[in-house]
Amino acid sequence: MHKTEIKKELNKYHINSTHEKILRRINENPGITLCELTKGIELSKGSVSICIKKLEEKNLIQKYGTFDDKRVFRLHPTKMGKDLCSRIKLMQILKI
């Protein structure tokens, strides 16, 4: 039952469970890079990049460049992204 509610919550933002998994990882590790993010996820860098772009378009994360290497971006959740992760975590705890 609670998976259906979580899916409804994700649908409000037009994202899926893969996007949520990546958003959760960014939320748990603010400042994570794309390379760090792809470790331990069974997705290619290209697939993760597409998910990041979608999450950025939905204003759930922000990318910040680094000073030492302009090709490297640090990923941070926005307030909206943090709030979504908190709601989903609460649903999972309460098994809604």
PDB file of N, CA and C in Angstrom:
ATOM      1  N   MET A   1       0.823  -1.207   0.000  1.00  0.00           N
ATOM      2  CA  MET A   1       0.000   0.000   0.000  1.00  0.00           C
ATOM      3  C   MET A   1       0.865   1.270   0.000  1.00  0.00           C
ATOM      4  N   HIS A   2       1.919   1.294   0.872  1.00  0.00           N
ATOM      5  CA  HIS A   2       2.696   2.530   0.956  1.00  0.00           C
ATOM      6  C   HIS A   2       3.473   2.829  -0.318  1.00  0.00           C
ATOM      7  N   LYS A   3       3.791   1.801  -1.117  1.00  0.00           N
ATOM      8  CA  LYS A   3       4.493   2.049  -2.388  1.00  0.00           C
ATOM      9  C   LYS A   3       3.601   2.859  -3.332  1.00  0.00           C
ATOM     10  N   THR A   4       2.301   2.603  -3.286  1.00  0.00           N
ATOM     11  CA  THR A   4       1.356   3.341  -4.119  1.00  0.00           C
ATOM     12  C   THR A   4       1.328   4.810  -3.714  1.00  0.00           C
ATOM     13  N   GLU A   5       1.342   5.065  -2.412  1.00  0.00           N
ATOM     14  CA  GLU A   5       1.339   6.446  -1.924  1.00  0.00           C
ATOM     15  C   GLU A   5       2.636   7.163  -2.289  1.00  0.00           C
ATOM     16  N   ILE A   6       3.740   6.460  -2.191  1.00  0.00           N
ATOM     17  CA  ILE A   6       5.028   7.048  -2.569  1.00  0.00           C
ATOM     18  C   ILE A   6       5.030   7.362  -4.057  1.00  0.00           C
ATOM     19  N   LYS A   7       4.496   6.442  -4.859  1.00  0.00           N
ATOM     20  CA  LYS A   7       4.422   6.663  -6.303  1.00  0.00           C
ATOM     21  C   LYS A   7       3.576   7.896  -6.618  1.00  0.00           C
ATOM     22  N   LYS A   8       2.466   8.067  -5.895  1.00  0.00           N
ATOM     23  CA  LYS A   8       1.607   9.248  -6.094  1.00  0.00           C
ATOM     24  C   LYS A   8       2.383  10.523  -5.768  1.00  0.00           C
ATOM     25  N   GLU A   9       3.161  10.476  -4.677  1.00  0.00           N
ATOM     26  CA  GLU A   9       3.958  11.636  -4.273  1.00  0.00           C
ATOM     27  C   GLU A   9       4.990  11.971  -5.356  1.00  0.00           C
ATOM     28  N   LEU A  10       5.658  10.947  -5.900  1.00  0.00           N
ATOM     29  CA  LEU A  10       6.640  11.160  -6.970  1.00  0.00           C
ATOM     30  C   LEU A  10       5.974  11.689  -8.229  1.00  0.00           C
ATOM     31  N   ASN A  11       4.770  11.200  -8.525  1.00  0.00           N
ATOM     32  CA  ASN A  11       4.046  11.645  -9.724  1.00  0.00           C
ATOM     33  C   ASN A  11       3.719  13.130  -9.675  1.00  0.00           C
ATOM     34  N   LYS A  12       3.561  13.678  -8.476  1.00  0.00           N
ATOM     35  CA  LYS A  12       3.306  15.124  -8.350  1.00  0.00           C
ATOM     36  C   LYS A  12       4.450  15.927  -8.959  1.00  0.00           C
ATOM     37  N   TYR A  13       5.662  15.362  -8.917  1.00  0.00           N
ATOM     38  CA  TYR A  13       6.853  16.033  -9.444  1.00  0.00           C
ATOM     39  C   TYR A  13       7.252  15.487 -10.818  1.00  0.00           C
ATOM     40  N   HIS A  14       6.465  14.534 -11.329  1.00  0.00           N
ATOM     41  CA  HIS A  14       6.736  13.906 -12.624  1.00  0.00           C
ATOM     42  C   HIS A  14       8.101  13.216 -12.640  1.00  0.00           C
ATOM     43  N   ILE A  15       8.412  12.520 -11.542  1.00  0.00           N
ATOM     44  CA  ILE A  15       9.643  11.740 -11.471  1.00  0.00           C
ATOM     45  C   ILE A  15       9.291  10.307 -11.080  1.00  0.00           C
ATOM     46  N   ASN A  16      10.245   9.404 -11.293  1.00  0.00           N
ATOM     47  CA  ASN A  16      10.006   7.989 -10.982  1.00  0.00           C
ATOM     48  C   ASN A  16      10.900   7.516  -9.838  1.00  0.00           C
ATOM     49  N   SER A  17      10.845   6.234  -9.551  1.00  0.00           N
ATOM     50  CA  SER A  17      11.606   5.695  -8.417  1.00  0.00           C
ATOM     51  C   SER A  17      13.122   5.796  -8.631  1.00  0.00           C
ATOM     52  N   THR A  18      13.580   5.742  -9.883  1.00  0.00           N
ATOM     53  CA  THR A  18      15.017   5.902 -10.157  1.00  0.00           C
ATOM     54  C   THR A  18      15.456   7.319  -9.804  1.00  0.00           C
ATOM     55  N   HIS A  19      14.662   8.304 -10.194  1.00  0.00           N
ATOM     56  CA  HIS A  19      14.962   9.695  -9.842  1.00  0.00           C
ATOM     57  C   HIS A  19      14.977   9.856  -8.324  1.00  0.00           C
ATOM     58  N   GLU A  20      14.024   9.216  -7.654  1.00  0.00           N
ATOM     59  CA  GLU A  20      13.930   9.318  -6.190  1.00  0.00           C
ATOM     60  C   GLU A  20      15.162   8.708  -5.531  1.00  0.00           C
ATOM     61  N   LYS A  21      15.622   7.599  -6.064  1.00  0.00           N
ATOM     62  CA  LYS A  21      16.823   6.934  -5.530  1.00  0.00           C
ATOM     63  C   LYS A  21      18.042   7.870  -5.629  1.00  0.00           C
ATOM     64  N   ILE A  22      18.178   8.529  -6.762  1.00  0.00           N
ATOM     65  CA  ILE A  22      19.297   9.454  -6.970  1.00  0.00           C
ATOM     66  C   ILE A  22      19.132  10.691  -6.086  1.00  0.00           C
ATOM     67  N   LEU A  23      17.916  11.219  -6.007  1.00  0.00           N
ATOM     68  CA  LEU A  23      17.647  12.365  -5.149  1.00  0.00           C
ATOM     69  C   LEU A  23      17.960  12.031  -3.688  1.00  0.00           C
ATOM     70  N   ARG A  24      17.570  10.849  -3.241  1.00  0.00           N
ATOM     71  CA  ARG A  24      17.825  10.427  -1.864  1.00  0.00           C
ATOM     72  C   ARG A  24      19.334  10.376  -1.600  1.00  0.00           C
ATOM     73  N   ARG A  25      20.070   9.844  -2.559  1.00  0.00           N
ATOM     74  CA  ARG A  25      21.534   9.733  -2.415  1.00  0.00           C
ATOM     75  C   ARG A  25      22.180  11.123  -2.346  1.00  0.00           C
ATOM     76  N   ILE A  26      21.685  12.058  -3.157  1.00  0.00           N
ATOM     77  CA  ILE A  26      22.197  13.434  -3.123  1.00  0.00           C
ATOM     78  C   ILE A  26      21.828  14.085  -1.796  1.00  0.00           C
ATOM     79  N   ASN A  27      20.608  13.833  -1.332  1.00  0.00           N
ATOM     80  CA  ASN A  27      20.150  14.394  -0.065  1.00  0.00           C
ATOM     81  C   ASN A  27      20.995  13.885   1.107  1.00  0.00           C
ATOM     82  N   GLU A  28      21.382  12.625   1.050  1.00  0.00           N
ATOM     83  CA  GLU A  28      22.193  12.020   2.118  1.00  0.00           C
ATOM     84  C   GLU A  28      23.661  12.428   2.029  1.00  0.00           C
ATOM     85  N   ASN A  29      24.099  12.865   0.837  1.00  0.00           N
ATOM     86  CA  ASN A  29      25.512  13.229   0.604  1.00  0.00           C
ATOM     87  C   ASN A  29      25.606  14.562  -0.137  1.00  0.00           C
ATOM     88  N   PRO A  30      25.180  15.668   0.488  1.00  0.00           N
ATOM     89  CA  PRO A  30      25.244  16.952  -0.220  1.00  0.00           C
ATOM     90  C   PRO A  30      26.670  17.253  -0.685  1.00  0.00           C
ATOM     91  N   GLY A  31      26.793  17.706  -1.928  1.00  0.00           N
ATOM     92  CA  GLY A  31      28.098  18.010  -2.492  1.00  0.00           C
ATOM     93  C   GLY A  31      28.714  16.839  -3.238  1.00  0.00           C
ATOM     94  N   ILE A  32      27.962  15.752  -3.377  1.00  0.00           N
ATOM     95  CA  ILE A  32      28.451  14.574  -4.085  1.00  0.00           C
ATOM     96  C   ILE A  32      28.662  14.908  -5.565  1.00  0.00           C
ATOM     97  N   THR A  33      29.661  14.292  -6.175  1.00  0.00           N
ATOM     98  CA  THR A  33      29.917  14.501  -7.605  1.00  0.00           C
ATOM     99  C   THR A  33      29.231  13.393  -8.411  1.00  0.00           C
ATOM    100  N   LEU A  34      29.162  13.581  -9.716  1.00  0.00           N
ATOM    101  CA  LEU A  34      28.573  12.576 -10.596  1.00  0.00           C
ATOM    102  C   LEU A  34      29.307  11.247 -10.473  1.00  0.00           C
ATOM    103  N   CYS A  35      30.637  11.295 -10.458  1.00  0.00           N
ATOM    104  CA  CYS A  35      31.431  10.056 -10.342  1.00  0.00           C
ATOM    105  C   CYS A  35      31.123   9.336  -9.030  1.00  0.00           C
ATOM    106  N   GLU A  36      31.085  10.077  -7.941  1.00  0.00           N
ATOM    107  CA  GLU A  36      30.774   9.476  -6.641  1.00  0.00           C
ATOM    108  C   GLU A  36      29.357   8.911  -6.628  1.00  0.00           C
ATOM    109  N   LEU A  37      28.452   9.629  -7.264  1.00  0.00           N
ATOM    110  CA  LEU A  37      27.045   9.225  -7.294  1.00  0.00           C
ATOM    111  C   LEU A  37      26.838   7.923  -8.061  1.00  0.00           C
ATOM    112  N   THR A  38      27.576   7.732  -9.143  1.00  0.00           N
ATOM    113  CA  THR A  38      27.368   6.538  -9.974  1.00  0.00           C
ATOM    114  C   THR A  38      27.947   5.276  -9.339  1.00  0.00           C
ATOM    115  N   LYS A  39      28.839   5.430  -8.366  1.00  0.00           N
ATOM    116  CA  LYS A  39      29.389   4.246  -7.684  1.00  0.00           C
ATOM    117  C   LYS A  39      28.284   3.610  -6.842  1.00  0.00           C
ATOM    118  N   GLY A  40      28.095   2.315  -7.037  1.00  0.00           N
ATOM    119  CA  GLY A  40      27.085   1.596  -6.259  1.00  0.00           C
ATOM    120  C   GLY A  40      25.685   1.670  -6.830  1.00  0.00           C
ATOM    121  N   ILE A  41      25.520   2.371  -7.940  1.00  0.00           N
ATOM    122  CA  ILE A  41      24.223   2.424  -8.626  1.00  0.00           C
ATOM    123  C   ILE A  41      24.384   1.670  -9.937  1.00  0.00           C
ATOM    124  N   GLU A  42      23.426   0.840 -10.258  1.00  0.00           N
ATOM    125  CA  GLU A  42      23.518   0.043 -11.491  1.00  0.00           C
ATOM    126  C   GLU A  42      23.043   0.817 -12.712  1.00  0.00           C
ATOM    127  N   LEU A  43      23.506   2.055 -12.836  1.00  0.00           N
ATOM    128  CA  LEU A  43      23.166   2.888 -13.978  1.00  0.00           C
ATOM    129  C   LEU A  43      24.458   3.478 -14.544  1.00  0.00           C
ATOM    130  N   SER A  44      24.449   3.726 -15.841  1.00  0.00           N
ATOM    131  CA  SER A  44      25.614   4.347 -16.472  1.00  0.00           C
ATOM    132  C   SER A  44      25.679   5.832 -16.099  1.00  0.00           C
ATOM    133  N   LYS A  45      26.846   6.435 -16.311  1.00  0.00           N
ATOM    134  CA  LYS A  45      26.982   7.870 -16.061  1.00  0.00           C
ATOM    135  C   LYS A  45      25.997   8.657 -16.921  1.00  0.00           C
ATOM    136  N   GLY A  46      25.786   8.183 -18.143  1.00  0.00           N
ATOM    137  CA  GLY A  46      24.843   8.855 -19.045  1.00  0.00           C
ATOM    138  C   GLY A  46      23.423   8.833 -18.501  1.00  0.00           C
ATOM    139  N   SER A  47      22.996   7.682 -17.991  1.00  0.00           N
ATOM    140  CA  SER A  47      21.648   7.558 -17.422  1.00  0.00           C
ATOM    141  C   SER A  47      21.506   8.428 -16.177  1.00  0.00           C
ATOM    142  N   VAL A  48      22.531   8.426 -15.343  1.00  0.00           N
ATOM    143  CA  VAL A  48      22.501   9.257 -14.130  1.00  0.00           C
ATOM    144  C   VAL A  48      22.473  10.732 -14.518  1.00  0.00           C
ATOM    145  N   SER A  49      23.215  11.110 -15.561  1.00  0.00           N
ATOM    146  CA  SER A  49      23.227  12.497 -16.029  1.00  0.00           C
ATOM    147  C   SER A  49      21.840  12.940 -16.482  1.00  0.00           C
ATOM    148  N   ILE A  50      21.132  12.053 -17.171  1.00  0.00           N
ATOM    149  CA  ILE A  50      19.770  12.364 -17.616  1.00  0.00           C
ATOM    150  C   ILE A  50      18.856  12.563 -16.407  1.00  0.00           C
ATOM    151  N   CYS A  51      18.987  11.701 -15.399  1.00  0.00           N
ATOM    152  CA  CYS A  51      18.190  11.832 -14.173  1.00  0.00           C
ATOM    153  C   CYS A  51      18.510  13.142 -13.454  1.00  0.00           C
ATOM    154  N   ILE A  52      19.794  13.490 -13.397  1.00  0.00           N
ATOM    155  CA  ILE A  52      20.207  14.734 -12.745  1.00  0.00           C
ATOM    156  C   ILE A  52      19.594  15.933 -13.454  1.00  0.00           C
ATOM    157  N   LYS A  53      19.607  15.900 -14.778  1.00  0.00           N
ATOM    158  CA  LYS A  53      19.023  16.994 -15.561  1.00  0.00           C
ATOM    159  C   LYS A  53      17.540  17.146 -15.229  1.00  0.00           C
ATOM    160  N   LYS A  54      16.825  16.034 -15.154  1.00  0.00           N
ATOM    161  CA  LYS A  54      15.388  16.068 -14.842  1.00  0.00           C
ATOM    162  C   LYS A  54      15.161  16.615 -13.426  1.00  0.00           C
ATOM    163  N   LEU A  55      15.950  16.147 -12.470  1.00  0.00           N
ATOM    164  CA  LEU A  55      15.807  16.618 -11.083  1.00  0.00           C
ATOM    165  C   LEU A  55      16.115  18.106 -10.975  1.00  0.00           C
ATOM    166  N   GLU A  56      17.062  18.555 -11.780  1.00  0.00           N
ATOM    167  CA  GLU A  56      17.410  19.976 -11.798  1.00  0.00           C
ATOM    168  C   GLU A  56      16.272  20.795 -12.411  1.00  0.00           C
ATOM    169  N   GLU A  57      15.682  20.288 -13.497  1.00  0.00           N
ATOM    170  CA  GLU A  57      14.544  20.966 -14.137  1.00  0.00           C
ATOM    171  C   GLU A  57      13.359  21.078 -13.195  1.00  0.00           C
ATOM    172  N   LYS A  58      13.181  20.081 -12.338  1.00  0.00           N
ATOM    173  CA  LYS A  58      12.058  20.061 -11.392  1.00  0.00           C
ATOM    174  C   LYS A  58      12.389  20.830 -10.111  1.00  0.00           C
ATOM    175  N   ASN A  59      13.564  21.486 -10.090  1.00  0.00           N
ATOM    176  CA  ASN A  59      14.019  22.276  -8.949  1.00  0.00           C
ATOM    177  C   ASN A  59      14.157  21.447  -7.665  1.00  0.00           C
ATOM    178  N   LEU A  60      14.588  20.187  -7.816  1.00  0.00           N
ATOM    179  CA  LEU A  60      14.786  19.316  -6.662  1.00  0.00           C
ATOM    180  C   LEU A  60      16.259  19.250  -6.262  1.00  0.00           C
ATOM    181  N   ILE A  61      17.149  19.576  -7.206  1.00  0.00           N
ATOM    182  CA  ILE A  61      18.589  19.638  -6.908  1.00  0.00           C
ATOM    183  C   ILE A  61      19.187  20.840  -7.622  1.00  0.00           C
ATOM    184  N   GLN A  62      20.409  21.199  -7.192  1.00  0.00           N
ATOM    185  CA  GLN A  62      21.180  22.249  -7.857  1.00  0.00           C
ATOM    186  C   GLN A  62      22.589  21.734  -8.091  1.00  0.00           C
ATOM    187  N   LYS A  63      23.175  22.160  -9.203  1.00  0.00           N
ATOM    188  CA  LYS A  63      24.565  21.823  -9.528  1.00  0.00           C
ATOM    189  C   LYS A  63      25.422  23.051  -9.293  1.00  0.00           C
ATOM    190  N   TYR A  64      26.563  22.830  -8.658  1.00  0.00           N
ATOM    191  CA  TYR A  64      27.529  23.903  -8.448  1.00  0.00           C
ATOM    192  C   TYR A  64      28.871  23.445  -8.983  1.00  0.00           C
ATOM    193  N   GLY A  65      29.510  24.300  -9.777  1.00  0.00           N
ATOM    194  CA  GLY A  65      30.841  23.990 -10.288  1.00  0.00           C
ATOM    195  C   GLY A  65      31.885  24.113  -9.185  1.00  0.00           C
ATOM    196  N   THR A  66      33.005  23.444  -9.375  1.00  0.00           N
ATOM    197  CA  THR A  66      34.096  23.553  -8.408  1.00  0.00           C
ATOM    198  C   THR A  66      35.110  24.553  -8.941  1.00  0.00           C
ATOM    199  N   PHE A  67      35.886  25.137  -8.052  1.00  0.00           N
ATOM    200  CA  PHE A  67      36.866  26.142  -8.451  1.00  0.00           C
ATOM    201  C   PHE A  67      38.075  25.510  -9.137  1.00  0.00           C
ATOM    202  N   ASP A  68      38.472  24.320  -8.682  1.00  0.00           N
ATOM    203  CA  ASP A  68      39.693  23.713  -9.211  1.00  0.00           C
ATOM    204  C   ASP A  68      39.497  23.016 -10.558  1.00  0.00           C
ATOM    205  N   ASP A  69      38.278  22.541 -10.840  1.00  0.00           N
ATOM    206  CA  ASP A  69      38.031  21.852 -12.117  1.00  0.00           C
ATOM    207  C   ASP A  69      36.622  22.191 -12.588  1.00  0.00           C
ATOM    208  N   LYS A  70      36.528  22.983 -13.623  1.00  0.00           N
ATOM    209  CA  LYS A  70      35.224  23.456 -14.123  1.00  0.00           C
ATOM    210  C   LYS A  70      34.358  22.336 -14.690  1.00  0.00           C
ATOM    211  N   ARG A  71      34.955  21.161 -14.933  1.00  0.00           N
ATOM    212  CA  ARG A  71      34.179  20.039 -15.469  1.00  0.00           C
ATOM    213  C   ARG A  71      33.450  19.272 -14.364  1.00  0.00           C
ATOM    214  N   VAL A  72      33.859  19.484 -13.117  1.00  0.00           N
ATOM    215  CA  VAL A  72      33.284  18.747 -11.993  1.00  0.00           C
ATOM    216  C   VAL A  72      32.201  19.585 -11.334  1.00  0.00           C
ATOM    217  N   PHE A  73      31.051  18.977 -11.110  1.00  0.00           N
ATOM    218  CA  PHE A  73      29.945  19.640 -10.445  1.00  0.00           C
ATOM    219  C   PHE A  73      29.620  18.948  -9.134  1.00  0.00           C
ATOM    220  N   ARG A  74      29.289  19.730  -8.143  1.00  0.00           N
ATOM    221  CA  ARG A  74      28.816  19.223  -6.853  1.00  0.00           C
ATOM    222  C   ARG A  74      27.295  19.342  -6.863  1.00  0.00           C
ATOM    223  N   LEU A  75      26.632  18.282  -6.425  1.00  0.00           N
ATOM    224  CA  LEU A  75      25.171  18.224  -6.450  1.00  0.00           C
ATOM    225  C   LEU A  75      24.618  18.410  -5.038  1.00  0.00           C
ATOM    226  N   HIS A  76      23.645  19.290  -4.929  1.00  0.00           N
ATOM    227  CA  HIS A  76      23.024  19.592  -3.638  1.00  0.00           C
ATOM    228  C   HIS A  76      21.502  19.561  -3.792  1.00  0.00           C
ATOM    229  N   PRO A  77      20.797  19.061  -2.779  1.00  0.00           N
ATOM    230  CA  PRO A  77      19.333  19.107  -2.844  1.00  0.00           C
ATOM    231  C   PRO A  77      18.844  20.533  -2.569  1.00  0.00           C
ATOM    232  N   THR A  78      17.753  20.919  -3.189  1.00  0.00           N
ATOM    233  CA  THR A  78      17.113  22.194  -2.874  1.00  0.00           C
ATOM    234  C   THR A  78      16.200  21.955  -1.668  1.00  0.00           C
ATOM    235  N   LYS A  79      15.598  23.006  -1.169  1.00  0.00           N
ATOM    236  CA  LYS A  79      14.651  22.847  -0.061  1.00  0.00           C
ATOM    237  C   LYS A  79      13.516  21.919  -0.488  1.00  0.00           C
ATOM    238  N   MET A  80      13.026  22.089  -1.713  1.00  0.00           N
ATOM    239  CA  MET A  80      11.948  21.244  -2.224  1.00  0.00           C
ATOM    240  C   MET A  80      12.399  19.783  -2.288  1.00  0.00           C
ATOM    241  N   GLY A  81      13.630  19.554  -2.707  1.00  0.00           N
ATOM    242  CA  GLY A  81      14.173  18.199  -2.778  1.00  0.00           C
ATOM    243  C   GLY A  81      14.309  17.574  -1.401  1.00  0.00           C
ATOM    244  N   LYS A  82      14.780  18.370  -0.432  1.00  0.00           N
ATOM    245  CA  LYS A  82      14.900  17.882   0.947  1.00  0.00           C
ATOM    246  C   LYS A  82      13.529  17.544   1.513  1.00  0.00           C
ATOM    247  N   ASP A  83      12.555  18.415   1.252  1.00  0.00           N
ATOM    248  CA  ASP A  83      11.190  18.189   1.759  1.00  0.00           C
ATOM    249  C   ASP A  83      10.586  16.919   1.178  1.00  0.00           C
ATOM    250  N   LEU A  84      10.788  16.693  -0.120  1.00  0.00           N
ATOM    251  CA  LEU A  84      10.268  15.477  -0.759  1.00  0.00           C
ATOM    252  C   LEU A  84      10.902  14.236  -0.142  1.00  0.00           C
ATOM    253  N   CYS A  85      12.214  14.262   0.047  1.00  0.00           N
ATOM    254  CA  CYS A  85      12.898  13.119   0.666  1.00  0.00           C
ATOM    255  C   CYS A  85      12.359  12.868   2.075  1.00  0.00           C
ATOM    256  N   SER A  86      12.132  13.930   2.823  1.00  0.00           N
ATOM    257  CA  SER A  86      11.610  13.790   4.185  1.00  0.00           C
ATOM    258  C   SER A  86      10.219  13.169   4.179  1.00  0.00           C
ATOM    259  N   ARG A  87       9.356  13.611   3.255  1.00  0.00           N
ATOM    260  CA  ARG A  87       7.991  13.052   3.169  1.00  0.00           C
ATOM    261  C   ARG A  87       8.035  11.569   2.816  1.00  0.00           C
ATOM    262  N   ILE A  88       8.886  11.207   1.874  1.00  0.00           N
ATOM    263  CA  ILE A  88       8.972   9.801   1.457  1.00  0.00           C
ATOM    264  C   ILE A  88       9.530   8.950   2.589  1.00  0.00           C
ATOM    265  N   LYS A  89      10.544   9.470   3.274  1.00  0.00           N
ATOM    266  CA  LYS A  89      11.125   8.736   4.403  1.00  0.00           C
ATOM    267  C   LYS A  89      10.066   8.511   5.485  1.00  0.00           C
ATOM    268  N   LEU A  90       9.264   9.533   5.762  1.00  0.00           N
ATOM    269  CA  LEU A  90       8.195   9.420   6.755  1.00  0.00           C
ATOM    270  C   LEU A  90       7.158   8.388   6.317  1.00  0.00           C
ATOM    271  N   MET A  91       6.807   8.390   5.039  1.00  0.00           N
ATOM    272  CA  MET A  91       5.852   7.387   4.514  1.00  0.00           C
ATOM    273  C   MET A  91       6.401   5.986   4.693  1.00  0.00           C
ATOM    274  N   GLN A  92       7.704   5.828   4.457  1.00  0.00           N
ATOM    275  CA  GLN A  92       8.317   4.497   4.595  1.00  0.00           C
ATOM    276  C   GLN A  92       8.333   4.063   6.062  1.00  0.00           C
ATOM    277  N   ILE A  93       8.594   4.996   6.964  1.00  0.00           N
ATOM    278  CA  ILE A  93       8.622   4.660   8.390  1.00  0.00           C
ATOM    279  C   ILE A  93       7.216   4.297   8.868  1.00  0.00           C
ATOM    280  N   LEU A  94       6.242   5.096   8.469  1.00  0.00           N
ATOM    281  CA  LEU A  94       4.864   4.880   8.912  1.00  0.00           C
ATOM    282  C   LEU A  94       4.143   3.821   8.086  1.00  0.00           C
ATOM    283  N   LYS A  95       4.793   3.382   6.991  1.00  0.00           N
ATOM    284  CA  LYS A  95       4.216   2.386   6.077  1.00  0.00           C
ATOM    285  C   LYS A  95       2.848   2.820   5.543  1.00  0.00           C
ATOM    286  N   ILE A  96       2.793   4.100   5.148  1.00  0.00           N
ATOM    287  CA  ILE A  96       1.539   4.650   4.597  1.00  0.00           C
ATOM    288  C   ILE A  96       1.346   4.092   3.204  1.00  0.00           C
TER     289      ILE A  96
END
